[in-house]
N, C-alpha and C. Protein backbone atom coordinates (compact mmCIF):
# COMPACT_ATOMS: atom_id res chain seq x y z
N UNK A 1 31.32 -20.80 5.90
CA UNK A 1 29.96 -20.69 6.36
C UNK A 1 29.77 -19.27 6.89
N UNK A 2 28.84 -18.55 6.32
CA UNK A 2 28.60 -17.15 6.68
C UNK A 2 27.79 -17.00 7.95
N UNK A 3 27.01 -18.00 8.30
CA UNK A 3 26.19 -17.90 9.50
C UNK A 3 25.32 -19.13 9.67
N UNK A 4 24.61 -19.14 10.78
CA UNK A 4 23.69 -20.24 11.06
C UNK A 4 22.29 -19.65 11.15
N UNK A 5 21.38 -20.18 10.35
CA UNK A 5 19.98 -19.77 10.36
C UNK A 5 19.20 -20.80 11.15
N UNK A 6 18.47 -20.34 12.15
CA UNK A 6 17.80 -21.25 13.08
C UNK A 6 16.40 -20.76 13.39
N UNK A 7 15.49 -21.69 13.61
CA UNK A 7 14.17 -21.37 14.15
C UNK A 7 13.68 -22.56 14.96
N UNK A 8 12.93 -22.27 15.99
CA UNK A 8 12.30 -23.34 16.75
C UNK A 8 10.79 -23.24 16.68
N UNK A 9 10.28 -22.43 15.75
CA UNK A 9 8.83 -22.35 15.65
C UNK A 9 8.29 -22.57 14.24
N UNK A 10 8.97 -23.41 13.47
CA UNK A 10 8.42 -23.84 12.19
C UNK A 10 7.59 -25.09 12.50
N UNK A 11 6.41 -24.85 13.05
CA UNK A 11 5.58 -25.94 13.55
C UNK A 11 4.32 -26.11 12.72
N UNK A 12 3.64 -27.20 12.92
CA UNK A 12 2.35 -27.43 12.26
C UNK A 12 1.37 -26.33 12.65
N UNK A 13 1.40 -25.92 13.91
CA UNK A 13 0.50 -24.85 14.36
C UNK A 13 0.75 -23.56 13.60
N UNK A 14 2.02 -23.22 13.37
CA UNK A 14 2.34 -22.01 12.63
C UNK A 14 1.80 -22.09 11.20
N UNK A 15 1.99 -23.22 10.53
CA UNK A 15 1.48 -23.38 9.17
C UNK A 15 -0.05 -23.31 9.15
N UNK A 16 -0.70 -23.88 10.16
CA UNK A 16 -2.16 -23.80 10.25
C UNK A 16 -2.61 -22.35 10.44
N UNK A 17 -1.92 -21.60 11.30
CA UNK A 17 -2.29 -20.20 11.53
C UNK A 17 -2.12 -19.37 10.27
N UNK A 18 -0.97 -19.51 9.60
CA UNK A 18 -0.72 -18.71 8.40
C UNK A 18 -1.73 -19.06 7.31
N UNK A 19 -2.03 -20.33 7.15
CA UNK A 19 -3.05 -20.74 6.17
C UNK A 19 -4.42 -20.16 6.50
N UNK A 20 -4.79 -20.19 7.76
CA UNK A 20 -6.08 -19.65 8.19
C UNK A 20 -6.14 -18.15 7.95
N UNK A 21 -5.05 -17.43 8.28
CA UNK A 21 -5.02 -15.98 8.07
C UNK A 21 -5.15 -15.60 6.60
N UNK A 22 -4.76 -16.49 5.72
CA UNK A 22 -4.81 -16.19 4.29
C UNK A 22 -6.00 -16.84 3.59
N UNK A 23 -6.96 -17.32 4.40
CA UNK A 23 -8.21 -17.82 3.84
C UNK A 23 -8.25 -19.29 3.49
N UNK A 24 -7.25 -20.08 3.90
CA UNK A 24 -7.22 -21.50 3.58
C UNK A 24 -7.69 -22.38 4.73
N UNK A 25 -8.13 -21.78 5.83
CA UNK A 25 -8.55 -22.56 6.99
C UNK A 25 -9.94 -23.12 6.82
N UNK A 26 -10.27 -24.05 7.70
CA UNK A 26 -11.62 -24.63 7.69
C UNK A 26 -12.60 -23.63 8.29
N UNK A 27 -13.78 -23.53 7.70
CA UNK A 27 -14.76 -22.55 8.17
C UNK A 27 -15.36 -22.91 9.52
N UNK A 28 -15.28 -24.17 9.92
CA UNK A 28 -15.88 -24.57 11.20
C UNK A 28 -14.85 -24.69 12.33
N UNK A 29 -13.65 -24.09 12.12
CA UNK A 29 -12.62 -24.12 13.16
C UNK A 29 -12.20 -22.69 13.48
N UNK A 30 -12.16 -22.37 14.77
CA UNK A 30 -11.68 -21.07 15.24
C UNK A 30 -10.35 -21.30 15.95
N UNK A 31 -9.40 -20.40 15.75
CA UNK A 31 -8.10 -20.50 16.41
C UNK A 31 -7.81 -19.22 17.18
N UNK A 32 -7.15 -19.39 18.32
CA UNK A 32 -6.67 -18.27 19.11
C UNK A 32 -5.18 -18.47 19.32
N UNK A 33 -4.40 -17.43 19.09
CA UNK A 33 -2.96 -17.50 19.35
C UNK A 33 -2.68 -16.62 20.57
N UNK A 34 -1.88 -17.15 21.50
CA UNK A 34 -1.54 -16.37 22.69
C UNK A 34 -0.14 -16.71 23.15
N UNK A 35 0.46 -15.80 23.88
CA UNK A 35 1.82 -16.00 24.38
C UNK A 35 2.41 -14.70 24.88
N UNK A 36 3.73 -14.56 24.74
CA UNK A 36 4.42 -13.35 25.18
C UNK A 36 5.21 -12.74 24.04
N UNK A 37 5.49 -11.46 24.18
CA UNK A 37 6.32 -10.74 23.22
C UNK A 37 7.17 -9.74 23.98
N UNK A 38 8.30 -9.31 23.42
CA UNK A 38 9.16 -8.36 24.13
C UNK A 38 8.42 -7.08 24.48
N UNK A 39 8.67 -6.56 25.66
CA UNK A 39 8.09 -5.29 26.10
C UNK A 39 9.06 -4.19 25.68
N UNK A 40 8.59 -3.18 24.92
CA UNK A 40 9.50 -2.13 24.47
C UNK A 40 9.99 -1.21 25.60
N UNK A 41 9.36 -1.29 26.77
CA UNK A 41 9.78 -0.47 27.90
C UNK A 41 11.15 -0.96 28.39
N UNK A 42 12.19 -0.10 28.37
CA UNK A 42 13.51 -0.55 28.78
C UNK A 42 13.59 -0.96 30.26
N UNK A 43 12.62 -0.55 31.07
CA UNK A 43 12.59 -0.90 32.49
C UNK A 43 11.72 -2.12 32.77
N UNK A 44 11.18 -2.71 31.74
CA UNK A 44 10.29 -3.86 31.92
C UNK A 44 11.07 -5.06 32.44
N UNK A 45 10.46 -5.80 33.35
CA UNK A 45 11.10 -7.01 33.86
C UNK A 45 10.37 -8.27 33.39
N UNK A 46 9.22 -8.08 32.78
CA UNK A 46 8.46 -9.21 32.24
C UNK A 46 8.00 -8.87 30.83
N UNK A 47 7.83 -9.89 29.99
CA UNK A 47 7.34 -9.62 28.64
C UNK A 47 5.85 -9.25 28.66
N UNK A 48 5.38 -8.69 27.56
CA UNK A 48 3.96 -8.39 27.41
C UNK A 48 3.23 -9.65 26.97
N UNK A 49 2.00 -9.79 27.40
CA UNK A 49 1.16 -10.89 26.95
C UNK A 49 0.44 -10.45 25.67
N UNK A 50 0.18 -11.38 24.78
CA UNK A 50 -0.63 -11.08 23.60
C UNK A 50 -1.63 -12.20 23.40
N UNK A 51 -2.70 -11.87 22.72
CA UNK A 51 -3.74 -12.85 22.41
C UNK A 51 -4.56 -12.29 21.26
N UNK A 52 -4.80 -13.09 20.25
CA UNK A 52 -5.66 -12.62 19.16
C UNK A 52 -6.30 -13.81 18.45
N UNK A 53 -7.49 -13.57 17.87
CA UNK A 53 -8.14 -14.61 17.07
C UNK A 53 -7.46 -14.71 15.72
N UNK A 54 -6.99 -15.87 15.36
CA UNK A 54 -6.29 -16.08 14.10
C UNK A 54 -7.27 -15.90 12.94
N UNK A 55 -6.92 -15.03 12.01
CA UNK A 55 -7.76 -14.79 10.86
C UNK A 55 -8.90 -13.83 11.12
N UNK A 56 -9.03 -13.36 12.35
CA UNK A 56 -10.08 -12.41 12.68
C UNK A 56 -9.69 -11.00 12.30
N UNK A 57 -10.67 -10.22 11.86
CA UNK A 57 -10.39 -8.84 11.46
C UNK A 57 -9.89 -8.02 12.64
N UNK A 58 -10.34 -8.36 13.86
CA UNK A 58 -9.92 -7.58 15.02
C UNK A 58 -8.46 -7.80 15.39
N UNK A 59 -7.84 -8.82 14.83
CA UNK A 59 -6.42 -9.07 15.14
C UNK A 59 -5.54 -7.96 14.58
N UNK A 60 -5.82 -7.51 13.37
CA UNK A 60 -5.01 -6.48 12.76
C UNK A 60 -3.56 -6.89 12.54
N UNK A 61 -3.31 -8.18 12.42
CA UNK A 61 -1.96 -8.69 12.36
C UNK A 61 -1.94 -9.97 11.55
N UNK A 62 -0.91 -10.15 10.72
CA UNK A 62 -0.72 -11.41 10.01
C UNK A 62 0.67 -11.93 10.30
N UNK A 63 0.75 -13.16 10.72
CA UNK A 63 2.02 -13.81 11.01
C UNK A 63 2.79 -14.06 9.71
N UNK A 64 4.11 -14.04 9.79
CA UNK A 64 4.94 -14.31 8.61
C UNK A 64 5.81 -15.53 8.85
N UNK A 65 6.29 -16.12 7.77
CA UNK A 65 7.19 -17.27 7.90
C UNK A 65 8.55 -16.86 8.46
N UNK A 66 8.96 -15.60 8.23
CA UNK A 66 10.26 -15.16 8.74
C UNK A 66 10.23 -14.86 10.23
N UNK A 67 9.06 -14.68 10.79
CA UNK A 67 8.93 -14.43 12.22
C UNK A 67 9.49 -15.63 12.99
N UNK A 68 10.41 -15.37 13.87
CA UNK A 68 11.01 -16.45 14.64
C UNK A 68 12.32 -16.97 14.07
N UNK A 69 12.71 -16.52 12.87
CA UNK A 69 14.01 -16.93 12.32
C UNK A 69 15.13 -16.15 13.00
N UNK A 70 16.19 -16.85 13.37
CA UNK A 70 17.36 -16.26 14.02
C UNK A 70 18.58 -16.54 13.14
N UNK A 71 19.37 -15.51 12.86
CA UNK A 71 20.59 -15.68 12.09
C UNK A 71 21.78 -15.31 12.97
N UNK A 72 22.65 -16.28 13.22
CA UNK A 72 23.88 -16.04 13.97
C UNK A 72 25.01 -15.87 12.95
N UNK A 73 25.51 -14.64 12.83
CA UNK A 73 26.58 -14.35 11.87
C UNK A 73 27.89 -14.98 12.34
N UNK A 74 28.64 -15.55 11.40
CA UNK A 74 29.95 -16.13 11.70
C UNK A 74 30.99 -15.01 11.58
N UNK A 75 31.61 -14.62 12.70
CA UNK A 75 32.58 -13.51 12.64
C UNK A 75 33.87 -13.87 11.92
N UNK A 76 34.12 -15.15 11.66
CA UNK A 76 35.35 -15.59 11.00
C UNK A 76 35.10 -16.03 9.55
N UNK A 77 33.94 -15.75 9.01
CA UNK A 77 33.61 -16.18 7.64
C UNK A 77 34.48 -15.47 6.60
N UNK A 78 34.94 -16.24 5.60
CA UNK A 78 35.70 -15.64 4.49
C UNK A 78 34.82 -14.69 3.69
N UNK A 79 33.57 -15.07 3.48
CA UNK A 79 32.59 -14.27 2.75
C UNK A 79 31.40 -14.02 3.67
N UNK A 80 31.51 -13.04 4.56
CA UNK A 80 30.42 -12.82 5.53
C UNK A 80 29.14 -12.32 4.86
N UNK A 81 28.06 -12.66 5.49
CA UNK A 81 26.75 -12.21 5.06
C UNK A 81 26.53 -10.81 5.62
N UNK A 82 26.09 -9.89 4.80
CA UNK A 82 25.85 -8.52 5.26
C UNK A 82 24.68 -8.48 6.24
N UNK A 83 24.77 -7.54 7.18
CA UNK A 83 23.64 -7.33 8.08
C UNK A 83 22.42 -6.92 7.26
N UNK A 84 21.28 -7.40 7.65
CA UNK A 84 19.99 -7.11 7.00
C UNK A 84 19.91 -7.68 5.58
N UNK A 85 20.77 -8.65 5.26
CA UNK A 85 20.70 -9.29 3.93
C UNK A 85 19.40 -10.08 3.80
N UNK A 86 18.93 -10.64 4.89
CA UNK A 86 17.66 -11.37 4.91
C UNK A 86 16.66 -10.52 5.69
N UNK A 87 15.62 -10.07 5.03
CA UNK A 87 14.66 -9.18 5.68
C UNK A 87 13.73 -9.93 6.62
N UNK A 88 13.34 -9.25 7.68
CA UNK A 88 12.32 -9.77 8.57
C UNK A 88 12.77 -10.82 9.57
N UNK A 89 14.07 -10.91 9.83
CA UNK A 89 14.56 -11.90 10.79
C UNK A 89 15.33 -11.21 11.90
N UNK A 90 15.61 -11.93 12.97
CA UNK A 90 16.44 -11.41 14.05
C UNK A 90 17.87 -11.87 13.81
N UNK A 91 18.83 -10.94 13.93
CA UNK A 91 20.23 -11.24 13.66
C UNK A 91 21.06 -11.09 14.92
N UNK A 92 22.08 -11.94 15.05
CA UNK A 92 23.00 -11.90 16.18
C UNK A 92 24.42 -11.82 15.61
N UNK A 93 25.21 -10.88 16.15
CA UNK A 93 26.55 -10.65 15.62
C UNK A 93 27.51 -10.44 16.78
N UNK A 94 28.69 -11.10 16.72
CA UNK A 94 29.70 -10.91 17.75
C UNK A 94 30.32 -9.53 17.55
N UNK A 95 30.36 -8.73 18.63
CA UNK A 95 30.91 -7.38 18.51
C UNK A 95 32.25 -7.22 19.22
N UNK A 96 32.57 -8.10 20.17
CA UNK A 96 33.85 -7.99 20.87
C UNK A 96 34.22 -9.33 21.49
N UNK A 97 35.52 -9.60 21.51
CA UNK A 97 36.02 -10.80 22.17
C UNK A 97 37.20 -10.39 23.02
N UNK A 98 37.12 -10.70 24.30
CA UNK A 98 38.18 -10.36 25.23
C UNK A 98 38.44 -11.58 26.10
N UNK A 99 39.51 -12.29 25.81
CA UNK A 99 39.79 -13.51 26.56
C UNK A 99 38.69 -14.53 26.31
N UNK A 100 38.05 -14.96 27.38
CA UNK A 100 36.96 -15.93 27.25
C UNK A 100 35.59 -15.27 27.15
N UNK A 101 35.54 -13.95 27.26
CA UNK A 101 34.26 -13.25 27.20
C UNK A 101 33.96 -12.83 25.77
N UNK A 102 32.74 -13.10 25.35
CA UNK A 102 32.28 -12.71 24.02
C UNK A 102 31.02 -11.89 24.18
N UNK A 103 30.99 -10.73 23.55
CA UNK A 103 29.78 -9.88 23.58
C UNK A 103 29.09 -9.98 22.22
N UNK A 104 27.78 -10.12 22.27
CA UNK A 104 26.98 -10.22 21.06
C UNK A 104 26.00 -9.07 21.00
N UNK A 105 25.69 -8.63 19.82
CA UNK A 105 24.65 -7.64 19.61
C UNK A 105 23.54 -8.33 18.84
N UNK A 106 22.31 -8.10 19.26
CA UNK A 106 21.16 -8.68 18.56
C UNK A 106 20.32 -7.56 17.98
N UNK A 107 19.83 -7.78 16.79
CA UNK A 107 18.99 -6.81 16.11
C UNK A 107 17.72 -7.52 15.67
N UNK A 108 16.61 -7.13 16.26
CA UNK A 108 15.34 -7.75 15.93
C UNK A 108 14.68 -6.98 14.80
N UNK A 109 14.05 -7.69 13.92
CA UNK A 109 13.35 -7.06 12.79
C UNK A 109 12.02 -6.46 13.22
N UNK A 110 11.56 -6.77 14.40
CA UNK A 110 10.29 -6.22 14.86
C UNK A 110 9.92 -6.75 16.23
N UNK A 111 8.92 -6.18 16.85
CA UNK A 111 8.50 -6.63 18.18
C UNK A 111 7.56 -7.82 18.08
N UNK A 112 7.98 -8.85 17.37
CA UNK A 112 7.10 -9.98 17.13
C UNK A 112 6.93 -10.85 18.35
N UNK A 113 5.81 -11.53 18.40
CA UNK A 113 5.59 -12.47 19.49
C UNK A 113 6.60 -13.60 19.48
N UNK A 114 6.89 -14.11 20.64
CA UNK A 114 7.72 -15.31 20.74
C UNK A 114 6.83 -16.49 20.39
N UNK A 115 7.44 -17.65 20.15
CA UNK A 115 6.57 -18.80 19.89
C UNK A 115 5.55 -18.93 21.00
N UNK A 116 4.29 -18.95 20.64
CA UNK A 116 3.22 -19.01 21.63
C UNK A 116 2.45 -20.30 21.51
N UNK A 117 1.22 -20.25 21.90
CA UNK A 117 0.35 -21.41 21.83
C UNK A 117 -0.81 -21.10 20.90
N UNK A 118 -1.37 -22.13 20.34
CA UNK A 118 -2.54 -21.99 19.49
C UNK A 118 -3.62 -22.89 20.03
N UNK A 119 -4.81 -22.35 20.19
CA UNK A 119 -5.94 -23.15 20.64
C UNK A 119 -6.94 -23.18 19.49
N UNK A 120 -7.31 -24.35 19.03
CA UNK A 120 -8.28 -24.50 17.94
C UNK A 120 -9.55 -25.13 18.49
N UNK A 121 -10.70 -24.62 18.05
CA UNK A 121 -11.99 -25.13 18.50
C UNK A 121 -12.86 -25.43 17.30
N UNK A 122 -13.58 -26.54 17.36
CA UNK A 122 -14.46 -26.94 16.26
C UNK A 122 -15.81 -26.26 16.36
N UNK A 123 -16.60 -26.40 15.29
CA UNK A 123 -17.94 -25.83 15.25
C UNK A 123 -18.78 -26.34 16.41
N UNK A 124 -19.71 -25.51 16.83
CA UNK A 124 -20.57 -25.88 17.93
C UNK A 124 -20.05 -25.39 19.27
N UNK A 125 -18.81 -24.89 19.29
CA UNK A 125 -18.24 -24.35 20.51
C UNK A 125 -18.39 -22.85 20.49
N UNK A 126 -18.96 -22.30 21.54
CA UNK A 126 -19.13 -20.86 21.63
C UNK A 126 -17.78 -20.22 21.91
N UNK A 127 -17.37 -19.31 21.04
CA UNK A 127 -16.07 -18.66 21.21
C UNK A 127 -16.29 -17.17 21.39
N UNK A 128 -15.79 -16.64 22.51
CA UNK A 128 -15.84 -15.21 22.76
C UNK A 128 -14.41 -14.75 22.99
N UNK A 129 -14.09 -13.57 22.50
CA UNK A 129 -12.75 -13.04 22.68
C UNK A 129 -12.81 -11.79 23.55
N UNK A 130 -11.87 -11.67 24.46
CA UNK A 130 -11.75 -10.47 25.26
C UNK A 130 -10.36 -9.92 24.98
N UNK A 131 -10.30 -8.93 24.11
CA UNK A 131 -9.02 -8.36 23.72
C UNK A 131 -9.10 -6.86 23.91
N UNK A 132 -8.24 -6.31 24.73
CA UNK A 132 -8.27 -4.89 25.02
C UNK A 132 -7.55 -4.06 23.96
N UNK A 133 -6.63 -4.66 23.24
CA UNK A 133 -5.99 -4.03 22.10
C UNK A 133 -5.73 -5.15 21.09
N UNK A 134 -5.43 -4.81 19.85
CA UNK A 134 -5.32 -5.88 18.84
C UNK A 134 -4.38 -7.02 19.21
N UNK A 135 -3.24 -6.74 19.85
CA UNK A 135 -2.30 -7.81 20.14
C UNK A 135 -2.04 -8.04 21.62
N UNK A 136 -2.38 -7.09 22.47
CA UNK A 136 -1.97 -7.19 23.85
C UNK A 136 -3.11 -7.48 24.80
N UNK A 137 -2.85 -8.33 25.76
CA UNK A 137 -3.76 -8.56 26.87
C UNK A 137 -3.12 -7.83 28.02
N UNK A 138 -3.80 -6.85 28.58
CA UNK A 138 -3.15 -5.97 29.56
C UNK A 138 -3.12 -6.57 30.96
N UNK A 139 -2.18 -6.05 31.75
CA UNK A 139 -2.08 -6.41 33.16
C UNK A 139 -1.88 -7.90 33.40
N UNK A 140 -2.53 -8.40 34.43
CA UNK A 140 -2.40 -9.81 34.79
C UNK A 140 -3.45 -10.67 34.10
N UNK A 141 -4.25 -10.06 33.25
CA UNK A 141 -5.31 -10.79 32.55
C UNK A 141 -4.68 -11.68 31.48
N UNK A 142 -4.47 -12.91 31.79
CA UNK A 142 -3.80 -13.84 30.86
C UNK A 142 -4.82 -14.71 30.12
N UNK A 143 -6.07 -14.35 30.20
CA UNK A 143 -7.12 -15.12 29.57
C UNK A 143 -7.46 -14.53 28.21
N UNK A 144 -7.72 -15.38 27.25
CA UNK A 144 -8.11 -14.93 25.93
C UNK A 144 -9.61 -15.03 25.71
N UNK A 145 -10.29 -15.73 26.56
CA UNK A 145 -11.73 -15.87 26.37
C UNK A 145 -12.43 -15.58 27.66
N UNK A 146 -13.68 -15.19 27.55
CA UNK A 146 -14.44 -14.88 28.77
C UNK A 146 -15.44 -15.97 29.04
């Protein structure tokens, strides 16, 4: 076994979002995706918040099926899988073993959001978005709507 491929966000919500972003969603339903994503600042102690309307032009972002996939490489595999053999996923590889301590290195394919939440609203509901940048909600403003 060369590795273990894992995800915890292959959900109905994810399939609904990807379908909506590609034009297969219902015209009378609006979706908002929100959650956290890694902060690129090495001194950051909290993740960045993100919020965007799914399928909206202002999002400037399309979710992928590989987003959220984690590959744990098997360091003892007879036929190991090469790093970056699967594009667009996060990989974890053991780099050192000393007694009972094991050090791992992780390589993320991008600063993608962590599994977040999706809010869907039917027709007749007034939907307003307050987004200061395409993916990020700045500061303590954790609200996606006004």
